[in-house]
Amino acid sequence: RPSGELPASLPLIQRTMAATKLFGETPQLGRGS
């Protein structure tokens, strides 16, 4: 399984964080397999 990271500035990640915050949650970025 390859490793990798994407910057938080990408539109998809920004949209995901913004939507999460809209639902009253604190978005927390991290990694997983």
PDB file of all heavy atoms in Angstrom:
ATOM      1  N   ARG A   1       0.855  -1.199   0.000  1.00  0.00           N
ATOM      2  CA  ARG A   1       0.000   0.000   0.000  1.00  0.00           C
ATOM      3  C   ARG A   1       0.883   1.238   0.000  1.00  0.00           C
ATOM      4  O   ARG A   1       1.682   1.426   0.922  1.00  0.00           O
ATOM      5  CB  ARG A   1      -0.924   0.013   1.218  1.00  0.00           C
ATOM      6  CG  ARG A   1      -1.853  -1.170   1.300  1.00  0.00           C
ATOM      7  CD  ARG A   1      -2.827  -1.032   2.448  1.00  0.00           C
ATOM      8  NE  ARG A   1      -3.740  -2.173   2.504  1.00  0.00           N
ATOM      9  CZ  ARG A   1      -4.982  -2.124   2.964  1.00  0.00           C
ATOM     10  NH1 ARG A   1      -5.478  -0.981   3.417  1.00  0.00           N
ATOM     11  NH2 ARG A   1      -5.746  -3.198   2.983  1.00  0.00           N
ATOM     12  N   PRO A   2       0.767   2.081  -1.004  1.00  0.00           N
ATOM     13  CA  PRO A   2       1.654   3.253  -1.078  1.00  0.00           C
ATOM     14  C   PRO A   2       1.284   4.335  -0.081  1.00  0.00           C
ATOM     15  O   PRO A   2       0.126   4.489   0.317  1.00  0.00           O
ATOM     16  CB  PRO A   2       1.442   3.743  -2.515  1.00  0.00           C
ATOM     17  CG  PRO A   2       0.052   3.303  -2.848  1.00  0.00           C
ATOM     18  CD  PRO A   2      -0.140   1.985  -2.158  1.00  0.00           C
ATOM     19  N   SER A   3       2.293   5.084   0.339  1.00  0.00           N
ATOM     20  CA  SER A   3       2.082   6.270   1.170  1.00  0.00           C
ATOM     21  C   SER A   3       1.836   7.481   0.271  1.00  0.00           C
ATOM     22  O   SER A   3       2.075   7.438  -0.937  1.00  0.00           O
ATOM     23  CB  SER A   3       3.315   6.540   2.041  1.00  0.00           C
ATOM     24  OG  SER A   3       3.530   5.518   2.965  1.00  0.00           O
ATOM     25  N   GLY A   4       1.405   8.554   0.886  1.00  0.00           N
ATOM     26  CA  GLY A   4       1.234   9.800   0.149  1.00  0.00           C
ATOM     27  C   GLY A   4       0.450  10.805   0.970  1.00  0.00           C
ATOM     28  O   GLY A   4      -0.244  10.442   1.921  1.00  0.00           O
ATOM     29  N   GLU A   5       0.601  12.064   0.646  1.00  0.00           N
ATOM     30  CA  GLU A   5      -0.149  13.136   1.308  1.00  0.00           C
ATOM     31  C   GLU A   5      -0.579  14.174   0.287  1.00  0.00           C
ATOM     32  O   GLU A   5       0.114  14.408  -0.698  1.00  0.00           O
ATOM     33  CB  GLU A   5       0.701  13.815   2.384  1.00  0.00           C
ATOM     34  CG  GLU A   5       1.123  12.910   3.513  1.00  0.00           C
ATOM     35  CD  GLU A   5       1.781  13.679   4.646  1.00  0.00           C
ATOM     36  OE1 GLU A   5       1.275  14.747   5.017  1.00  0.00           O
ATOM     37  OE2 GLU A   5       2.810  13.203   5.158  1.00  0.00           O
ATOM     38  N   LEU A   6      -1.718  14.776   0.546  1.00  0.00           N
ATOM     39  CA  LEU A   6      -2.225  15.849  -0.298  1.00  0.00           C
ATOM     40  C   LEU A   6      -2.324  17.121   0.526  1.00  0.00           C
ATOM     41  O   LEU A   6      -2.734  17.086   1.692  1.00  0.00           O
ATOM     42  CB  LEU A   6      -3.612  15.498  -0.851  1.00  0.00           C
ATOM     43  CG  LEU A   6      -3.684  14.281  -1.778  1.00  0.00           C
ATOM     44  CD1 LEU A   6      -5.134  13.951  -2.097  1.00  0.00           C
ATOM     45  CD2 LEU A   6      -2.907  14.525  -3.062  1.00  0.00           C
ATOM     46  N   PRO A   7      -1.968  18.262  -0.046  1.00  0.00           N
ATOM     47  CA  PRO A   7      -2.045  19.521   0.701  1.00  0.00           C
ATOM     48  C   PRO A   7      -3.481  19.927   0.981  1.00  0.00           C
ATOM     49  O   PRO A   7      -4.385  19.697   0.181  1.00  0.00           O
ATOM     50  CB  PRO A   7      -1.352  20.524  -0.230  1.00  0.00           C
ATOM     51  CG  PRO A   7      -1.468  19.926  -1.595  1.00  0.00           C
ATOM     52  CD  PRO A   7      -1.422  18.447  -1.407  1.00  0.00           C
ATOM     53  N   ALA A   8      -3.694  20.542   2.127  1.00  0.00           N
ATOM     54  CA  ALA A   8      -5.031  20.969   2.534  1.00  0.00           C
ATOM     55  C   ALA A   8      -5.589  22.072   1.644  1.00  0.00           C
ATOM     56  O   ALA A   8      -6.787  22.367   1.700  1.00  0.00           O
ATOM     57  CB  ALA A   8      -5.011  21.449   3.979  1.00  0.00           C
ATOM     58  N   SER A   9      -4.744  22.667   0.824  1.00  0.00           N
ATOM     59  CA  SER A   9      -5.205  23.748  -0.053  1.00  0.00           C
ATOM     60  C   SER A   9      -5.991  23.243  -1.257  1.00  0.00           C
ATOM     61  O   SER A   9      -6.630  24.037  -1.963  1.00  0.00           O
ATOM     62  CB  SER A   9      -3.999  24.561  -0.544  1.00  0.00           C
ATOM     63  OG  SER A   9      -3.071  23.714  -1.213  1.00  0.00           O
ATOM     64  N   LEU A  10      -5.978  21.943  -1.524  1.00  0.00           N
ATOM     65  CA  LEU A  10      -6.734  21.412  -2.661  1.00  0.00           C
ATOM     66  C   LEU A  10      -8.229  21.693  -2.486  1.00  0.00           C
ATOM     67  O   LEU A  10      -8.763  21.550  -1.382  1.00  0.00           O
ATOM     68  CB  LEU A  10      -6.515  19.905  -2.789  1.00  0.00           C
ATOM     69  CG  LEU A  10      -5.161  19.418  -3.304  1.00  0.00           C
ATOM     70  CD1 LEU A  10      -5.128  17.895  -3.342  1.00  0.00           C
ATOM     71  CD2 LEU A  10      -4.879  19.977  -4.686  1.00  0.00           C
ATOM     72  N   PRO A  11      -8.923  22.049  -3.567  1.00  0.00           N
ATOM     73  CA  PRO A  11     -10.353  22.368  -3.462  1.00  0.00           C
ATOM     74  C   PRO A  11     -11.190  21.277  -2.787  1.00  0.00           C
ATOM     75  O   PRO A  11     -12.044  21.577  -1.953  1.00  0.00           O
ATOM     76  CB  PRO A  11     -10.766  22.573  -4.923  1.00  0.00           C
ATOM     77  CG  PRO A  11      -9.528  23.091  -5.578  1.00  0.00           C
ATOM     78  CD  PRO A  11      -8.397  22.352  -4.916  1.00  0.00           C
ATOM     79  N   LEU A  12     -10.965  20.004  -3.122  1.00  0.00           N
ATOM     80  CA  LEU A  12     -11.762  18.935  -2.513  1.00  0.00           C
ATOM     81  C   LEU A  12     -11.578  18.902  -0.998  1.00  0.00           C
ATOM     82  O   LEU A  12     -12.555  18.757  -0.245  1.00  0.00           O
ATOM     83  CB  LEU A  12     -11.382  17.577  -3.112  1.00  0.00           C
ATOM     84  CG  LEU A  12     -12.025  16.352  -2.431  1.00  0.00           C
ATOM     85  CD1 LEU A  12     -13.546  16.418  -2.468  1.00  0.00           C
ATOM     86  CD2 LEU A  12     -11.539  15.055  -3.076  1.00  0.00           C
ATOM     87  N   ILE A  13     -10.344  19.057  -0.542  1.00  0.00           N
ATOM     88  CA  ILE A  13     -10.094  19.022   0.897  1.00  0.00           C
ATOM     89  C   ILE A  13     -10.658  20.269   1.571  1.00  0.00           C
ATOM     90  O   ILE A  13     -11.233  20.197   2.662  1.00  0.00           O
ATOM     91  CB  ILE A  13      -8.590  18.852   1.159  1.00  0.00           C
ATOM     92  CG1 ILE A  13      -8.110  17.529   0.538  1.00  0.00           C
ATOM     93  CG2 ILE A  13      -8.294  18.881   2.656  1.00  0.00           C
ATOM     94  CD1 ILE A  13      -6.619  17.341   0.557  1.00  0.00           C
ATOM     95  N   GLN A  14     -10.534  21.417   0.920  1.00  0.00           N
ATOM     96  CA  GLN A  14     -11.129  22.650   1.445  1.00  0.00           C
ATOM     97  C   GLN A  14     -12.652  22.512   1.553  1.00  0.00           C
ATOM     98  O   GLN A  14     -13.254  22.894   2.556  1.00  0.00           O
ATOM     99  CB  GLN A  14     -10.775  23.822   0.535  1.00  0.00           C
ATOM    100  CG  GLN A  14      -9.344  24.313   0.671  1.00  0.00           C
ATOM    101  CD  GLN A  14      -9.130  25.117   1.937  1.00  0.00           C
ATOM    102  OE1 GLN A  14      -9.879  26.064   2.226  1.00  0.00           O
ATOM    103  NE2 GLN A  14      -8.126  24.753   2.707  1.00  0.00           N
ATOM    104  N   ARG A  15     -13.269  21.954   0.514  1.00  0.00           N
ATOM    105  CA  ARG A  15     -14.723  21.782   0.540  1.00  0.00           C
ATOM    106  C   ARG A  15     -15.149  20.808   1.634  1.00  0.00           C
ATOM    107  O   ARG A  15     -16.166  21.014   2.308  1.00  0.00           O
ATOM    108  CB  ARG A  15     -15.207  21.289  -0.824  1.00  0.00           C
ATOM    109  CG  ARG A  15     -15.154  22.340  -1.910  1.00  0.00           C
ATOM    110  CD  ARG A  15     -15.283  21.753  -3.298  1.00  0.00           C
ATOM    111  NE  ARG A  15     -15.275  22.798  -4.318  1.00  0.00           N
ATOM    112  CZ  ARG A  15     -14.778  22.642  -5.538  1.00  0.00           C
ATOM    113  NH1 ARG A  15     -14.245  21.479  -5.914  1.00  0.00           N
ATOM    114  NH2 ARG A  15     -14.805  23.652  -6.388  1.00  0.00           N
ATOM    115  N   THR A  16     -14.365  19.766   1.817  1.00  0.00           N
ATOM    116  CA  THR A  16     -14.681  18.785   2.853  1.00  0.00           C
ATOM    117  C   THR A  16     -14.579  19.400   4.232  1.00  0.00           C
ATOM    118  O   THR A  16     -15.442  19.175   5.100  1.00  0.00           O
ATOM    119  CB  THR A  16     -13.739  17.570   2.736  1.00  0.00           C
ATOM    120  OG1 THR A  16     -13.858  17.003   1.429  1.00  0.00           O
ATOM    121  CG2 THR A  16     -14.089  16.516   3.768  1.00  0.00           C
ATOM    122  N   MET A  17     -13.543  20.197   4.458  1.00  0.00           N
ATOM    123  CA  MET A  17     -13.403  20.867   5.753  1.00  0.00           C
ATOM    124  C   MET A  17     -14.526  21.879   5.976  1.00  0.00           C
ATOM    125  O   MET A  17     -15.098  21.963   7.066  1.00  0.00           O
ATOM    126  CB  MET A  17     -12.046  21.563   5.827  1.00  0.00           C
ATOM    127  CG  MET A  17     -10.865  20.606   5.918  1.00  0.00           C
ATOM    128  SD  MET A  17      -9.308  21.431   6.367  1.00  0.00           S
ATOM    129  CE  MET A  17      -9.041  22.475   4.933  1.00  0.00           C
ATOM    130  N   ALA A  18     -14.845  22.645   4.928  1.00  0.00           N
ATOM    131  CA  ALA A  18     -15.897  23.663   5.060  1.00  0.00           C
ATOM    132  C   ALA A  18     -17.244  23.016   5.347  1.00  0.00           C
ATOM    133  O   ALA A  18     -18.018  23.503   6.191  1.00  0.00           O
ATOM    134  CB  ALA A  18     -15.964  24.499   3.788  1.00  0.00           C
ATOM    135  N   ALA A  19     -17.549  21.922   4.662  1.00  0.00           N
ATOM    136  CA  ALA A  19     -18.822  21.229   4.879  1.00  0.00           C
ATOM    137  C   ALA A  19     -18.873  20.630   6.283  1.00  0.00           C
ATOM    138  O   ALA A  19     -19.911  20.677   6.959  1.00  0.00           O
ATOM    139  CB  ALA A  19     -19.006  20.137   3.832  1.00  0.00           C
ATOM    140  N   THR A  20     -17.759  20.073   6.732  1.00  0.00           N
ATOM    141  CA  THR A  20     -17.695  19.489   8.075  1.00  0.00           C
ATOM    142  C   THR A  20     -17.952  20.549   9.133  1.00  0.00           C
ATOM    143  O   THR A  20     -18.711  20.335  10.096  1.00  0.00           O
ATOM    144  CB  THR A  20     -16.320  18.834   8.302  1.00  0.00           C
ATOM    145  OG1 THR A  20     -16.140  17.798   7.336  1.00  0.00           O
ATOM    146  CG2 THR A  20     -16.206  18.248   9.698  1.00  0.00           C
ATOM    147  N   LYS A  21     -17.335  21.712   8.953  1.00  0.00           N
ATOM    148  CA  LYS A  21     -17.527  22.806   9.908  1.00  0.00           C
ATOM    149  C   LYS A  21     -18.970  23.301   9.892  1.00  0.00           C
ATOM    150  O   LYS A  21     -19.525  23.670  10.934  1.00  0.00           O
ATOM    151  CB  LYS A  21     -16.566  23.952   9.587  1.00  0.00           C
ATOM    152  CG  LYS A  21     -16.484  25.008  10.680  1.00  0.00           C
ATOM    153  CD  LYS A  21     -15.342  25.979  10.436  1.00  0.00           C
ATOM    154  CE  LYS A  21     -15.232  26.980  11.575  1.00  0.00           C
ATOM    155  NZ  LYS A  21     -14.097  27.918  11.359  1.00  0.00           N
ATOM    156  N   LEU A  22     -19.591  23.297   8.715  1.00  0.00           N
ATOM    157  CA  LEU A  22     -20.989  23.732   8.597  1.00  0.00           C
ATOM    158  C   LEU A  22     -21.910  22.854   9.441  1.00  0.00           C
ATOM    159  O   LEU A  22     -22.918  23.318   9.959  1.00  0.00           O
ATOM    160  CB  LEU A  22     -21.421  23.685   7.127  1.00  0.00           C
ATOM    161  CG  LEU A  22     -22.831  24.196   6.814  1.00  0.00           C
ATOM    162  CD1 LEU A  22     -22.919  25.699   7.055  1.00  0.00           C
ATOM    163  CD2 LEU A  22     -23.199  23.879   5.373  1.00  0.00           C
ATOM    164  N   PHE A  23     -21.537  21.581   9.607  1.00  0.00           N
ATOM    165  CA  PHE A  23     -22.335  20.661  10.409  1.00  0.00           C
ATOM    166  C   PHE A  23     -21.952  20.698  11.890  1.00  0.00           C
ATOM    167  O   PHE A  23     -22.352  19.830  12.660  1.00  0.00           O
ATOM    168  CB  PHE A  23     -22.201  19.237   9.867  1.00  0.00           C
ATOM    169  CG  PHE A  23     -23.158  18.936   8.748  1.00  0.00           C
ATOM    170  CD1 PHE A  23     -22.868  19.314   7.447  1.00  0.00           C
ATOM    171  CD2 PHE A  23     -24.368  18.304   8.998  1.00  0.00           C
ATOM    172  CE1 PHE A  23     -23.757  19.045   6.414  1.00  0.00           C
ATOM    173  CE2 PHE A  23     -25.265  18.029   7.979  1.00  0.00           C
ATOM    174  CZ  PHE A  23     -24.959  18.408   6.673  1.00  0.00           C
ATOM    175  N   GLY A  24     -21.188  21.709  12.263  1.00  0.00           N
ATOM    176  CA  GLY A  24     -20.884  21.909  13.673  1.00  0.00           C
ATOM    177  C   GLY A  24     -19.731  21.079  14.210  1.00  0.00           C
ATOM    178  O   GLY A  24     -19.527  21.003  15.420  1.00  0.00           O
ATOM    179  N   GLU A  25     -18.968  20.469  13.309  1.00  0.00           N
ATOM    180  CA  GLU A  25     -17.839  19.649  13.731  1.00  0.00           C
ATOM    181  C   GLU A  25     -16.518  20.359  13.418  1.00  0.00           C
ATOM    182  O   GLU A  25     -16.442  21.151  12.486  1.00  0.00           O
ATOM    183  CB  GLU A  25     -17.860  18.297  13.016  1.00  0.00           C
ATOM    184  CG  GLU A  25     -19.098  17.470  13.287  1.00  0.00           C
ATOM    185  CD  GLU A  25     -19.161  16.950  14.710  1.00  0.00           C
ATOM    186  OE1 GLU A  25     -18.084  16.797  15.335  1.00  0.00           O
ATOM    187  OE2 GLU A  25     -20.278  16.684  15.202  1.00  0.00           O
ATOM    188  N   THR A  26     -15.504  20.063  14.201  1.00  0.00           N
ATOM    189  CA  THR A  26     -14.180  20.598  13.945  1.00  0.00           C
ATOM    190  C   THR A  26     -13.436  19.647  13.014  1.00  0.00           C
ATOM    191  O   THR A  26     -13.159  18.505  13.390  1.00  0.00           O
ATOM    192  CB  THR A  26     -13.378  20.748  15.250  1.00  0.00           C
ATOM    193  OG1 THR A  26     -14.083  21.622  16.137  1.00  0.00           O
ATOM    194  CG2 THR A  26     -11.983  21.313  14.965  1.00  0.00           C
ATOM    195  N   PRO A  27     -13.137  20.085  11.804  1.00  0.00           N
ATOM    196  CA  PRO A  27     -12.445  19.187  10.866  1.00  0.00           C
ATOM    197  C   PRO A  27     -11.025  18.895  11.319  1.00  0.00           C
ATOM    198  O   PRO A  27     -10.288  19.807  11.690  1.00  0.00           O
ATOM    199  CB  PRO A  27     -12.471  19.959   9.541  1.00  0.00           C
ATOM    200  CG  PRO A  27     -12.633  21.396   9.925  1.00  0.00           C
ATOM    201  CD  PRO A  27     -13.421  21.401  11.200  1.00  0.00           C
ATOM    202  N   GLN A  28     -10.650  17.625  11.294  1.00  0.00           N
ATOM    203  CA  GLN A  28      -9.308  17.216  11.686  1.00  0.00           C
ATOM    204  C   GLN A  28      -8.714  16.348  10.588  1.00  0.00           C
ATOM    205  O   GLN A  28      -9.208  15.254  10.319  1.00  0.00           O
ATOM    206  CB  GLN A  28      -9.345  16.453  13.005  1.00  0.00           C
ATOM    207  CG  GLN A  28      -9.814  17.298  14.180  1.00  0.00           C
ATOM    208  CD  GLN A  28      -9.773  16.538  15.493  1.00  0.00           C
ATOM    209  OE1 GLN A  28      -9.627  15.318  15.509  1.00  0.00           O
ATOM    210  NE2 GLN A  28      -9.894  17.255  16.588  1.00  0.00           N
ATOM    211  N   LEU A  29      -7.663  16.861   9.972  1.00  0.00           N
ATOM    212  CA  LEU A  29      -6.993  16.102   8.927  1.00  0.00           C
ATOM    213  C   LEU A  29      -6.046  15.080   9.533  1.00  0.00           C
ATOM    214  O   LEU A  29      -5.477  15.302  10.592  1.00  0.00           O
ATOM    215  CB  LEU A  29      -6.203  17.041   8.008  1.00  0.00           C
ATOM    216  CG  LEU A  29      -7.002  18.094   7.241  1.00  0.00           C
ATOM    217  CD1 LEU A  29      -6.063  18.884   6.334  1.00  0.00           C
ATOM    218  CD2 LEU A  29      -8.109  17.463   6.435  1.00  0.00           C
ATOM    219  N   GLY A  30      -5.885  13.967   8.844  1.00  0.00           N
ATOM    220  CA  GLY A  30      -4.985  12.936   9.327  1.00  0.00           C
ATOM    221  C   GLY A  30      -4.701  11.925   8.242  1.00  0.00           C
ATOM    222  O   GLY A  30      -5.007  12.135   7.076  1.00  0.00           O
ATOM    223  N   ARG A  31      -4.139  10.799   8.642  1.00  0.00           N
ATOM    224  CA  ARG A  31      -3.779   9.764   7.690  1.00  0.00           C
ATOM    225  C   ARG A  31      -4.341   8.437   8.157  1.00  0.00           C
ATOM    226  O   ARG A  31      -4.619   8.231   9.328  1.00  0.00           O
ATOM    227  CB  ARG A  31      -2.272   9.681   7.519  1.00  0.00           C
ATOM    228  CG  ARG A  31      -1.530   9.034   8.659  1.00  0.00           C
ATOM    229  CD  ARG A  31      -0.035   8.930   8.380  1.00  0.00           C
ATOM    230  NE  ARG A  31       0.572  10.247   8.249  1.00  0.00           N
ATOM    231  CZ  ARG A  31       1.073  10.707   7.106  1.00  0.00           C
ATOM    232  NH1 ARG A  31       1.045   9.968   6.010  1.00  0.00           N
ATOM    233  NH2 ARG A  31       1.621  11.900   7.049  1.00  0.00           N
ATOM    234  N   GLY A  32      -4.489   7.520   7.208  1.00  0.00           N
ATOM    235  CA  GLY A  32      -4.936   6.175   7.524  1.00  0.00           C
ATOM    236  C   GLY A  32      -4.569   5.237   6.393  1.00  0.00           C
ATOM    237  O   GLY A  32      -4.078   5.658   5.343  1.00  0.00           O
ATOM    238  N   SER A  33      -4.802   3.969   6.618  1.00  0.00           N
ATOM    239  CA  SER A  33      -4.599   2.972   5.566  1.00  0.00           C
ATOM    240  C   SER A  33      -5.971   2.633   5.019  1.00  0.00           C
ATOM    241  O   SER A  33      -6.684   1.779   5.555  1.00  0.00           O
ATOM    242  CB  SER A  33      -3.907   1.730   6.143  1.00  0.00           C
ATOM    243  OG  SER A  33      -3.666   0.784   5.132  1.00  0.00           O
TER     244      SER A  33
END
